[in-house]
Amino acid sequence: MRYVLQETANRLGFDDLALHEVPWQQLQPGHVTALVAALREDGYTPNTSSLYVNALRGVFNEAWRMSLISQEQLLKLRSVKAMAGTRLSQGRNLKRSLIRDLLDACAADPRPQGLRDAAIIALLYGTGMRKSESVNLDLAQVDFSERSLQVLGKGNKQLIKYAPAWAFERLQAWLNCRREQLPDGLGDDVFLFNRIRRGDHITRERISKHAIYYIARQRGLQVGVRIMPHDFRRSFITRVIEDHDLSIAQKLAHHSNIQTTAQYDVRDDNERRRAVDRFDL
């Protein structure tokens, strides 16, 4: 969000000012309209346009709370809409065979990274959790008997995620490796996944979100596909919709709106064609 606001300030002519020096309270509806038009001209998607507008709305709300703008001015600023429209999802539906290939690639890696990456992939795909949720996982949040994980999700909400047995097997293998690698019986760090440095050295540092991107990209390259971390969540939700229904998928994804869940359905065109072909006379 900081990057979005700095980019917004640059586009509005405040590129010589630091973010906290920009006179946000002096902006008029015309500035927001011009920003939306510029984003459209530069080929930005409607979702990105909404992100920029929502960032500004957050600033305007705070300006109103601080009595820097009137309520009338706030309403005028908030009346400017982002770019209308939608775009097809760029996400990938990771088939079960591809997940098995990814886990096999990890298993073939004799380094600690192999076991750690397999556990991360297994939890991302097996629970549908977000990358930030996996990074922030602590060992105390894991219940091995119930095969459940307590995560802190979006909106500061505590959620319970359930994982299949095969995912917990990968997680247990990683934890066993960590206990063996770290000296003096200090193998049980408070967090779940450690950063591993060059030379296969397991550090006492928590893994970062950037590392999750790197793991998805590198393991994807090993099996010949381009993978983003959120593809695991998309694939989890798509599979639940396929095997069960949209309502169950909504509950497991912890979406407050079922329409959000429906947007995660990334089944390919062949499956859509087969659905239409079943409409025989």
C-alpha atoms as a PDB file:
ATOM      1  CA  MET A   1       0.000   0.000   0.000  1.00  0.00           C
ATOM      2  CA  ARG A   2       2.912   2.322   0.690  1.00  0.00           C
ATOM      3  CA  TYR A   3       4.167   1.700  -2.847  1.00  0.00           C
ATOM      4  CA  VAL A   4       0.692   2.395  -4.284  1.00  0.00           C
ATOM      5  CA  LEU A   5       0.411   5.682  -2.413  1.00  0.00           C
ATOM      6  CA  GLN A   6       3.911   6.774  -3.455  1.00  0.00           C
ATOM      7  CA  GLU A   7       3.115   5.937  -7.084  1.00  0.00           C
ATOM      8  CA  THR A   8      -0.134   7.892  -6.732  1.00  0.00           C
ATOM      9  CA  ALA A   9       1.728  10.903  -5.338  1.00  0.00           C
ATOM     10  CA  ASN A  10       4.214  10.749  -8.226  1.00  0.00           C
ATOM     11  CA  ARG A  11       1.407  10.650 -10.789  1.00  0.00           C
ATOM     12  CA  LEU A  12      -0.278  13.629  -9.138  1.00  0.00           C
ATOM     13  CA  GLY A  13       2.884  15.731  -9.389  1.00  0.00           C
ATOM     14  CA  PHE A  14       4.261  15.254  -5.866  1.00  0.00           C
ATOM     15  CA  ASP A  15       7.228  13.134  -6.926  1.00  0.00           C
ATOM     16  CA  ASP A  16       9.671  15.460  -5.132  1.00  0.00           C
ATOM     17  CA  LEU A  17       7.944  14.944  -1.764  1.00  0.00           C
ATOM     18  CA  ALA A  18       8.202  12.114   0.739  1.00  0.00           C
ATOM     19  CA  LEU A  19       5.012  10.170   1.307  1.00  0.00           C
ATOM     20  CA  HIS A  20       4.239  11.825   4.651  1.00  0.00           C
ATOM     21  CA  GLU A  21       4.812  15.308   3.162  1.00  0.00           C
ATOM     22  CA  VAL A  22       2.163  15.037   0.445  1.00  0.00           C
ATOM     23  CA  PRO A  23      -0.793  17.411   1.128  1.00  0.00           C
ATOM     24  CA  TRP A  24      -3.425  14.698   0.715  1.00  0.00           C
ATOM     25  CA  GLN A  25      -6.094  16.905   2.304  1.00  0.00           C
ATOM     26  CA  GLN A  26      -5.810  19.354  -0.593  1.00  0.00           C
ATOM     27  CA  LEU A  27      -6.762  16.819  -3.263  1.00  0.00           C
ATOM     28  CA  GLN A  28      -9.977  17.362  -5.173  1.00  0.00           C
ATOM     29  CA  PRO A  29     -12.285  14.867  -6.955  1.00  0.00           C
ATOM     30  CA  GLY A  30     -10.669  15.930 -10.225  1.00  0.00           C
ATOM     31  CA  HIS A  31      -7.335  14.585  -9.047  1.00  0.00           C
ATOM     32  CA  VAL A  32      -8.837  11.160  -8.401  1.00  0.00           C
ATOM     33  CA  THR A  33     -10.631  11.206 -11.769  1.00  0.00           C
ATOM     34  CA  ALA A  34      -7.370  12.092 -13.520  1.00  0.00           C
ATOM     35  CA  LEU A  35      -5.579   9.263 -11.712  1.00  0.00           C
ATOM     36  CA  VAL A  36      -8.176   6.693 -12.835  1.00  0.00           C
ATOM     37  CA  ALA A  37      -7.942   7.984 -16.423  1.00  0.00           C
ATOM     38  CA  ALA A  38      -4.140   7.776 -16.382  1.00  0.00           C
ATOM     39  CA  LEU A  39      -4.223   4.212 -15.075  1.00  0.00           C
ATOM     40  CA  ARG A  40      -6.668   3.237 -17.828  1.00  0.00           C
ATOM     41  CA  GLU A  41      -4.476   4.853 -20.493  1.00  0.00           C
ATOM     42  CA  ASP A  42      -1.417   3.000 -19.177  1.00  0.00           C
ATOM     43  CA  GLY A  43      -3.203  -0.331 -19.478  1.00  0.00           C
ATOM     44  CA  TYR A  44      -3.749  -1.046 -15.790  1.00  0.00           C
ATOM     45  CA  THR A  45      -6.458  -3.592 -14.952  1.00  0.00           C
ATOM     46  CA  PRO A  46      -9.731  -2.679 -13.205  1.00  0.00           C
ATOM     47  CA  ASN A  47      -8.567  -4.504 -10.053  1.00  0.00           C
ATOM     48  CA  THR A  48      -5.398  -2.431  -9.924  1.00  0.00           C
ATOM     49  CA  SER A  49      -7.404   0.736 -10.475  1.00  0.00           C
ATOM     50  CA  SER A  50      -9.603  -0.238  -7.523  1.00  0.00           C
ATOM     51  CA  LEU A  51      -6.509  -0.769  -5.390  1.00  0.00           C
ATOM     52  CA  TYR A  52      -5.289   2.769  -6.097  1.00  0.00           C
ATOM     53  CA  VAL A  53      -8.689   4.341  -5.463  1.00  0.00           C
ATOM     54  CA  ASN A  54      -9.203   2.381  -2.244  1.00  0.00           C
ATOM     55  CA  ALA A  55      -5.766   3.452  -1.032  1.00  0.00           C
ATOM     56  CA  LEU A  56      -6.763   7.082  -1.524  1.00  0.00           C
ATOM     57  CA  ARG A  57     -10.108   6.503   0.189  1.00  0.00           C
ATOM     58  CA  GLY A  58      -8.273   5.222   3.246  1.00  0.00           C
ATOM     59  CA  VAL A  59      -6.190   8.406   3.326  1.00  0.00           C
ATOM     60  CA  PHE A  60      -9.280  10.585   2.865  1.00  0.00           C
ATOM     61  CA  ASN A  61     -11.076   8.783   5.697  1.00  0.00           C
ATOM     62  CA  GLU A  62      -8.144   9.463   8.003  1.00  0.00           C
ATOM     63  CA  ALA A  63      -7.988  13.107   6.884  1.00  0.00           C
ATOM     64  CA  TRP A  64     -11.669  13.469   7.815  1.00  0.00           C
ATOM     65  CA  ARG A  65     -11.099  11.839  11.238  1.00  0.00           C
ATOM     66  CA  MET A  66      -8.314  14.374  11.851  1.00  0.00           C
ATOM     67  CA  SER A  67     -10.681  17.220  10.829  1.00  0.00           C
ATOM     68  CA  LEU A  68      -8.451  18.131   7.876  1.00  0.00           C
ATOM     69  CA  ILE A  69     -11.367  17.877   5.432  1.00  0.00           C
ATOM     70  CA  SER A  70     -15.107  18.273   5.861  1.00  0.00           C
ATOM     71  CA  GLN A  71     -17.604  15.446   5.575  1.00  0.00           C
ATOM     72  CA  GLU A  72     -18.934  17.073   2.393  1.00  0.00           C
ATOM     73  CA  GLN A  73     -15.445  17.041   0.871  1.00  0.00           C
ATOM     74  CA  LEU A  74     -15.003  13.410   1.950  1.00  0.00           C
ATOM     75  CA  LEU A  75     -18.211  12.363   0.221  1.00  0.00           C
ATOM     76  CA  LYS A  76     -17.205  14.172  -2.970  1.00  0.00           C
ATOM     77  CA  LEU A  77     -13.812  12.465  -2.997  1.00  0.00           C
ATOM     78  CA  ARG A  78     -15.318   9.048  -2.296  1.00  0.00           C
ATOM     79  CA  SER A  79     -17.866   9.491  -5.083  1.00  0.00           C
ATOM     80  CA  VAL A  80     -15.183   8.989  -7.753  1.00  0.00           C
ATOM     81  CA  LYS A  81     -15.304   5.366  -8.921  1.00  0.00           C
ATOM     82  CA  ALA A  82     -12.452   3.179 -10.038  1.00  0.00           C
ATOM     83  CA  MET A  83     -12.236   1.801 -13.565  1.00  0.00           C
ATOM     84  CA  ALA A  84     -15.167  -0.484 -14.357  1.00  0.00           C
ATOM     85  CA  GLY A  85     -14.778  -3.981 -15.759  1.00  0.00           C
ATOM     86  CA  THR A  86     -13.128  -7.299 -14.987  1.00  0.00           C
ATOM     87  CA  ARG A  87     -10.339  -9.420 -16.414  1.00  0.00           C
ATOM     88  CA  LEU A  88     -10.002 -13.162 -16.720  1.00  0.00           C
ATOM     89  CA  SER A  89      -8.077 -14.770 -13.880  1.00  0.00           C
ATOM     90  CA  GLN A  90      -4.351 -15.234 -14.501  1.00  0.00           C
ATOM     91  CA  GLY A  91      -4.210 -17.957 -11.889  1.00  0.00           C
ATOM     92  CA  ARG A  92      -3.309 -21.559 -12.604  1.00  0.00           C
ATOM     93  CA  ASN A  93      -5.228 -24.637 -11.505  1.00  0.00           C
ATOM     94  CA  LEU A  94      -2.556 -27.018 -10.229  1.00  0.00           C
ATOM     95  CA  LYS A  95      -3.696 -30.560 -10.980  1.00  0.00           C
ATOM     96  CA  ARG A  96      -3.092 -33.369  -8.505  1.00  0.00           C
ATOM     97  CA  SER A  97      -0.501 -34.916 -10.792  1.00  0.00           C
ATOM     98  CA  LEU A  98       1.426 -31.617 -10.811  1.00  0.00           C
ATOM     99  CA  ILE A  99       1.342 -31.430  -7.020  1.00  0.00           C
ATOM    100  CA  ARG A 100       2.758 -34.954  -6.901  1.00  0.00           C
ATOM    101  CA  ASP A 101       5.496 -33.881  -9.324  1.00  0.00           C
ATOM    102  CA  LEU A 102       6.344 -30.908  -7.106  1.00  0.00           C
ATOM    103  CA  LEU A 103       6.549 -33.108  -4.022  1.00  0.00           C
ATOM    104  CA  ASP A 104       8.685 -35.625  -5.925  1.00  0.00           C
ATOM    105  CA  ALA A 105      11.051 -32.818  -6.923  1.00  0.00           C
ATOM    106  CA  CYS A 106      11.349 -31.832  -3.269  1.00  0.00           C
ATOM    107  CA  ALA A 107      11.900 -35.469  -2.241  1.00  0.00           C
ATOM    108  CA  ALA A 108      14.757 -35.734  -4.740  1.00  0.00           C
ATOM    109  CA  ASP A 109      16.488 -32.767  -3.074  1.00  0.00           C
ATOM    110  CA  PRO A 110      18.810 -34.169  -0.357  1.00  0.00           C
ATOM    111  CA  ARG A 111      19.184 -30.777   1.331  1.00  0.00           C
ATOM    112  CA  PRO A 112      17.008 -29.593   4.257  1.00  0.00           C
ATOM    113  CA  GLN A 113      15.293 -27.331   1.720  1.00  0.00           C
ATOM    114  CA  GLY A 114      13.707 -30.405   0.152  1.00  0.00           C
ATOM    115  CA  LEU A 115      11.828 -31.375   3.317  1.00  0.00           C
ATOM    116  CA  ARG A 116      10.970 -27.778   4.217  1.00  0.00           C
ATOM    117  CA  ASP A 117       9.665 -26.914   0.745  1.00  0.00           C
ATOM    118  CA  ALA A 118       7.616 -30.122   0.588  1.00  0.00           C
ATOM    119  CA  ALA A 119       5.974 -29.228   3.906  1.00  0.00           C
ATOM    120  CA  ILE A 120       5.203 -25.689   2.730  1.00  0.00           C
ATOM    121  CA  ILE A 121       3.717 -26.871  -0.574  1.00  0.00           C
ATOM    122  CA  ALA A 122       1.704 -29.552   1.227  1.00  0.00           C
ATOM    123  CA  LEU A 123       0.178 -27.029   3.647  1.00  0.00           C
ATOM    124  CA  LEU A 124      -0.492 -24.366   1.012  1.00  0.00           C
ATOM    125  CA  TYR A 125      -2.264 -26.854  -1.254  1.00  0.00           C
ATOM    126  CA  GLY A 126      -3.741 -29.072   1.453  1.00  0.00           C
ATOM    127  CA  THR A 127      -5.321 -26.261   3.488  1.00  0.00           C
ATOM    128  CA  GLY A 128      -5.759 -23.399   1.009  1.00  0.00           C
ATOM    129  CA  MET A 129      -4.050 -20.980   3.387  1.00  0.00           C
ATOM    130  CA  ARG A 130      -2.471 -17.765   2.136  1.00  0.00           C
ATOM    131  CA  LYS A 131       1.300 -17.360   1.938  1.00  0.00           C
ATOM    132  CA  SER A 132       1.276 -14.791   4.748  1.00  0.00           C
ATOM    133  CA  GLU A 133      -0.598 -17.244   6.964  1.00  0.00           C
ATOM    134  CA  SER A 134       2.001 -19.950   6.309  1.00  0.00           C
ATOM    135  CA  VAL A 135       4.875 -17.576   7.059  1.00  0.00           C
ATOM    136  CA  ASN A 136       3.352 -16.524  10.396  1.00  0.00           C
ATOM    137  CA  LEU A 137       2.600 -20.061  11.583  1.00  0.00           C
ATOM    138  CA  ASP A 138       3.994 -20.995  14.982  1.00  0.00           C
ATOM    139  CA  LEU A 139       4.542 -24.511  16.260  1.00  0.00           C
ATOM    140  CA  ALA A 140       2.085 -23.898  19.108  1.00  0.00           C
ATOM    141  CA  GLN A 141      -0.669 -23.327  16.541  1.00  0.00           C
ATOM    142  CA  VAL A 142      -0.382 -26.860  15.168  1.00  0.00           C
ATOM    143  CA  ASP A 143      -2.509 -29.706  16.571  1.00  0.00           C
ATOM    144  CA  PHE A 144      -1.128 -32.970  15.209  1.00  0.00           C
ATOM    145  CA  SER A 145      -3.841 -35.134  16.770  1.00  0.00           C
ATOM    146  CA  GLU A 146      -6.631 -33.116  15.127  1.00  0.00           C
ATOM    147  CA  ARG A 147      -4.574 -32.349  11.988  1.00  0.00           C
ATOM    148  CA  SER A 148      -5.487 -28.697  12.374  1.00  0.00           C
ATOM    149  CA  LEU A 149      -3.691 -25.358  12.334  1.00  0.00           C
ATOM    150  CA  GLN A 150      -4.809 -22.150  14.001  1.00  0.00           C
ATOM    151  CA  VAL A 151      -3.904 -19.237  11.733  1.00  0.00           C
ATOM    152  CA  LEU A 152      -4.373 -15.492  11.886  1.00  0.00           C
ATOM    153  CA  GLY A 153      -6.127 -14.614   8.645  1.00  0.00           C
ATOM    154  CA  LYS A 154      -7.102 -11.392   6.895  1.00  0.00           C
ATOM    155  CA  GLY A 155      -8.930  -8.898   9.050  1.00  0.00           C
ATOM    156  CA  ASN A 156      -7.105 -10.132  12.181  1.00  0.00           C
ATOM    157  CA  LYS A 157      -9.396 -13.171  12.326  1.00  0.00           C
ATOM    158  CA  GLN A 158      -8.363 -16.390  14.047  1.00  0.00           C
ATOM    159  CA  LEU A 159      -9.184 -19.353  11.802  1.00  0.00           C
ATOM    160  CA  ILE A 160      -8.888 -23.111  12.026  1.00  0.00           C
ATOM    161  CA  LYS A 161      -7.468 -24.844   8.947  1.00  0.00           C
ATOM    162  CA  TYR A 162      -7.552 -28.604   8.484  1.00  0.00           C
ATOM    163  CA  ALA A 163      -4.949 -30.495   6.471  1.00  0.00           C
ATOM    164  CA  PRO A 164      -4.940 -34.032   5.030  1.00  0.00           C
ATOM    165  CA  ALA A 165      -2.769 -36.744   6.554  1.00  0.00           C
ATOM    166  CA  TRP A 166      -0.231 -36.643   3.708  1.00  0.00           C
ATOM    167  CA  ALA A 167       0.362 -32.931   4.363  1.00  0.00           C
ATOM    168  CA  PHE A 168       1.022 -33.541   8.052  1.00  0.00           C
ATOM    169  CA  GLU A 169       3.439 -36.338   7.149  1.00  0.00           C
ATOM    170  CA  ARG A 170       5.528 -33.832   5.153  1.00  0.00           C
ATOM    171  CA  LEU A 171       5.328 -31.347   8.010  1.00  0.00           C
ATOM    172  CA  GLN A 172       6.462 -33.939  10.545  1.00  0.00           C
ATOM    173  CA  ALA A 173       9.376 -34.966   8.308  1.00  0.00           C
ATOM    174  CA  TRP A 174      10.558 -31.341   8.159  1.00  0.00           C
ATOM    175  CA  LEU A 175      10.280 -30.882  11.937  1.00  0.00           C
ATOM    176  CA  ASN A 176      12.244 -34.099  12.521  1.00  0.00           C
ATOM    177  CA  CYS A 177      14.966 -32.838  10.185  1.00  0.00           C
ATOM    178  CA  ARG A 178      15.083 -29.485  11.968  1.00  0.00           C
ATOM    179  CA  ARG A 179      15.490 -31.153  15.363  1.00  0.00           C
ATOM    180  CA  GLU A 180      18.376 -33.234  14.044  1.00  0.00           C
ATOM    181  CA  GLN A 181      20.119 -30.327  12.327  1.00  0.00           C
ATOM    182  CA  LEU A 182      19.930 -27.759  15.120  1.00  0.00           C
ATOM    183  CA  PRO A 183      22.269 -28.402  18.065  1.00  0.00           C
ATOM    184  CA  ASP A 184      21.624 -28.686  21.813  1.00  0.00           C
ATOM    185  CA  GLY A 185      18.057 -29.858  21.442  1.00  0.00           C
ATOM    186  CA  LEU A 186      16.916 -26.450  20.181  1.00  0.00           C
ATOM    187  CA  GLY A 187      15.104 -27.855  17.182  1.00  0.00           C
ATOM    188  CA  ASP A 188      11.666 -26.635  18.202  1.00  0.00           C
ATOM    189  CA  ASP A 189      11.710 -22.957  17.287  1.00  0.00           C
ATOM    190  CA  VAL A 190       8.619 -20.970  18.097  1.00  0.00           C
ATOM    191  CA  PHE A 191       7.913 -20.577  14.378  1.00  0.00           C
ATOM    192  CA  LEU A 192       7.236 -23.397  11.932  1.00  0.00           C
ATOM    193  CA  PHE A 193       9.434 -22.674   8.923  1.00  0.00           C
ATOM    194  CA  ASN A 194      13.047 -21.506   9.075  1.00  0.00           C
ATOM    195  CA  ARG A 195      15.146 -19.566   6.640  1.00  0.00           C
ATOM    196  CA  ILE A 196      17.927 -21.747   5.176  1.00  0.00           C
ATOM    197  CA  ARG A 197      21.133 -20.028   4.073  1.00  0.00           C
ATOM    198  CA  ARG A 198      23.751 -21.058   1.562  1.00  0.00           C
ATOM    199  CA  GLY A 199      25.568 -24.168   2.618  1.00  0.00           C
ATOM    200  CA  ASP A 200      22.249 -25.688   3.729  1.00  0.00           C
ATOM    201  CA  HIS A 201      22.496 -23.979   7.120  1.00  0.00           C
ATOM    202  CA  ILE A 202      19.168 -23.841   8.962  1.00  0.00           C
ATOM    203  CA  THR A 203      19.032 -20.472  10.691  1.00  0.00           C
ATOM    204  CA  ARG A 204      17.041 -19.433  13.746  1.00  0.00           C
ATOM    205  CA  GLU A 205      15.114 -16.951  11.578  1.00  0.00           C
ATOM    206  CA  ARG A 206      11.530 -17.146  10.370  1.00  0.00           C
ATOM    207  CA  ILE A 207      11.029 -17.617   6.638  1.00  0.00           C
ATOM    208  CA  SER A 208       9.821 -14.551   4.691  1.00  0.00           C
ATOM    209  CA  LYS A 209       6.950 -14.068   2.246  1.00  0.00           C
ATOM    210  CA  HIS A 210       9.516 -13.417  -0.471  1.00  0.00           C
ATOM    211  CA  ALA A 211      10.982 -16.855   0.213  1.00  0.00           C
ATOM    212  CA  ILE A 212       7.564 -18.423  -0.405  1.00  0.00           C
ATOM    213  CA  TYR A 213       7.530 -16.750  -3.839  1.00  0.00           C
ATOM    214  CA  TYR A 214      11.022 -18.084  -4.510  1.00  0.00           C
ATOM    215  CA  ILE A 215      10.106 -21.630  -3.449  1.00  0.00           C
ATOM    216  CA  ALA A 216       7.009 -21.680  -5.675  1.00  0.00           C
ATOM    217  CA  ARG A 217       8.954 -20.301  -8.630  1.00  0.00           C
ATOM    218  CA  GLN A 218      11.973 -22.577  -8.284  1.00  0.00           C
ATOM    219  CA  ARG A 219      10.032 -25.766  -7.656  1.00  0.00           C
ATOM    220  CA  GLY A 220       7.717 -24.875 -10.524  1.00  0.00           C
ATOM    221  CA  LEU A 221      10.688 -24.503 -12.859  1.00  0.00           C
ATOM    222  CA  GLN A 222      11.828 -27.977 -11.853  1.00  0.00           C
ATOM    223  CA  VAL A 223       8.584 -29.451 -13.213  1.00  0.00           C
ATOM    224  CA  GLY A 224       8.325 -27.063 -16.156  1.00  0.00           C
ATOM    225  CA  VAL A 225       5.542 -24.693 -15.076  1.00  0.00           C
ATOM    226  CA  ARG A 226       5.310 -21.137 -13.768  1.00  0.00           C
ATOM    227  CA  ILE A 227       3.731 -21.155 -10.322  1.00  0.00           C
ATOM    228  CA  MET A 228       2.768 -18.343  -7.976  1.00  0.00           C
ATOM    229  CA  PRO A 229       2.073 -18.998  -4.265  1.00  0.00           C
ATOM    230  CA  HIS A 230      -1.592 -18.016  -4.580  1.00  0.00           C
ATOM    231  CA  ASP A 231      -2.065 -20.741  -7.213  1.00  0.00           C
ATOM    232  CA  PHE A 232      -2.065 -23.289  -4.378  1.00  0.00           C
ATOM    233  CA  ARG A 233      -5.022 -21.528  -2.738  1.00  0.00           C
ATOM    234  CA  ARG A 234      -6.849 -21.207  -6.072  1.00  0.00           C
ATOM    235  CA  SER A 235      -6.309 -24.899  -6.761  1.00  0.00           C
ATOM    236  CA  PHE A 236      -7.473 -25.920  -3.288  1.00  0.00           C
ATOM    237  CA  ILE A 237     -10.719 -23.980  -3.648  1.00  0.00           C
ATOM    238  CA  THR A 238     -11.273 -25.230  -7.216  1.00  0.00           C
ATOM    239  CA  ARG A 239     -10.780 -28.839  -6.122  1.00  0.00           C
ATOM    240  CA  VAL A 240     -13.235 -28.469  -3.223  1.00  0.00           C
ATOM    241  CA  ILE A 241     -15.811 -27.003  -5.621  1.00  0.00           C
ATOM    242  CA  GLU A 242     -15.245 -29.952  -7.971  1.00  0.00           C
ATOM    243  CA  ASP A 243     -15.414 -32.639  -5.286  1.00  0.00           C
ATOM    244  CA  HIS A 244     -18.084 -31.079  -3.060  1.00  0.00           C
ATOM    245  CA  ASP A 245     -19.850 -27.766  -3.695  1.00  0.00           C
ATOM    246  CA  LEU A 246     -19.442 -23.998  -3.565  1.00  0.00           C
ATOM    247  CA  SER A 247     -20.841 -23.713  -0.035  1.00  0.00           C
ATOM    248  CA  ILE A 248     -18.252 -26.098   1.448  1.00  0.00           C
ATOM    249  CA  ALA A 249     -15.507 -24.293  -0.477  1.00  0.00           C
ATOM    250  CA  GLN A 250     -16.640 -20.964   0.985  1.00  0.00           C
ATOM    251  CA  LYS A 251     -16.435 -22.328   4.531  1.00  0.00           C
ATOM    252  CA  LEU A 252     -12.998 -23.871   4.025  1.00  0.00           C
ATOM    253  CA  ALA A 253     -11.676 -20.718   2.350  1.00  0.00           C
ATOM    254  CA  HIS A 254     -13.200 -18.578   5.131  1.00  0.00           C
ATOM    255  CA  HIS A 255     -14.766 -16.143   2.670  1.00  0.00           C
ATOM    256  CA  SER A 256     -17.554 -13.935   4.039  1.00  0.00           C
ATOM    257  CA  ASN A 257     -19.036 -13.601   0.536  1.00  0.00           C
ATOM    258  CA  ILE A 258     -19.712 -16.681  -1.583  1.00  0.00           C
ATOM    259  CA  GLN A 259     -19.148 -14.614  -4.747  1.00  0.00           C
ATOM    260  CA  THR A 260     -15.501 -14.257  -3.715  1.00  0.00           C
ATOM    261  CA  THR A 261     -15.242 -18.046  -3.545  1.00  0.00           C
ATOM    262  CA  ALA A 262     -16.793 -18.393  -6.998  1.00  0.00           C
ATOM    263  CA  GLN A 263     -14.079 -16.155  -8.444  1.00  0.00           C
ATOM    264  CA  TYR A 264     -11.487 -18.733  -7.378  1.00  0.00           C
ATOM    265  CA  ASP A 265     -12.956 -21.390  -9.663  1.00  0.00           C
ATOM    266  CA  VAL A 266     -10.212 -21.731 -12.277  1.00  0.00           C
ATOM    267  CA  ARG A 267     -11.276 -24.919 -14.016  1.00  0.00           C
ATOM    268  CA  ASP A 268     -10.013 -24.889 -17.584  1.00  0.00           C
ATOM    269  CA  ASP A 269     -11.965 -24.555 -20.853  1.00  0.00           C
ATOM    270  CA  ASN A 270     -11.954 -28.313 -21.480  1.00  0.00           C
ATOM    271  CA  GLU A 271     -13.947 -28.895 -18.299  1.00  0.00           C
ATOM    272  CA  ARG A 272     -16.402 -26.187 -19.324  1.00  0.00           C
ATOM    273  CA  ARG A 273     -16.782 -27.767 -22.741  1.00  0.00           C
ATOM    274  CA  ARG A 274     -17.468 -31.154 -21.173  1.00  0.00           C
ATOM    275  CA  ALA A 275     -20.150 -29.595 -18.994  1.00  0.00           C
ATOM    276  CA  VAL A 276     -21.867 -28.139 -22.075  1.00  0.00           C
ATOM    277  CA  ASP A 277     -21.471 -31.384 -24.027  1.00  0.00           C
ATOM    278  CA  ARG A 278     -23.486 -33.211 -21.386  1.00  0.00           C
ATOM    279  CA  PHE A 279     -26.566 -31.232 -22.459  1.00  0.00           C
ATOM    280  CA  ASP A 280     -27.693 -33.896 -24.930  1.00  0.00           C
ATOM    281  CA  LEU A 281     -31.134 -33.969 -26.518  1.00  0.00           C
END
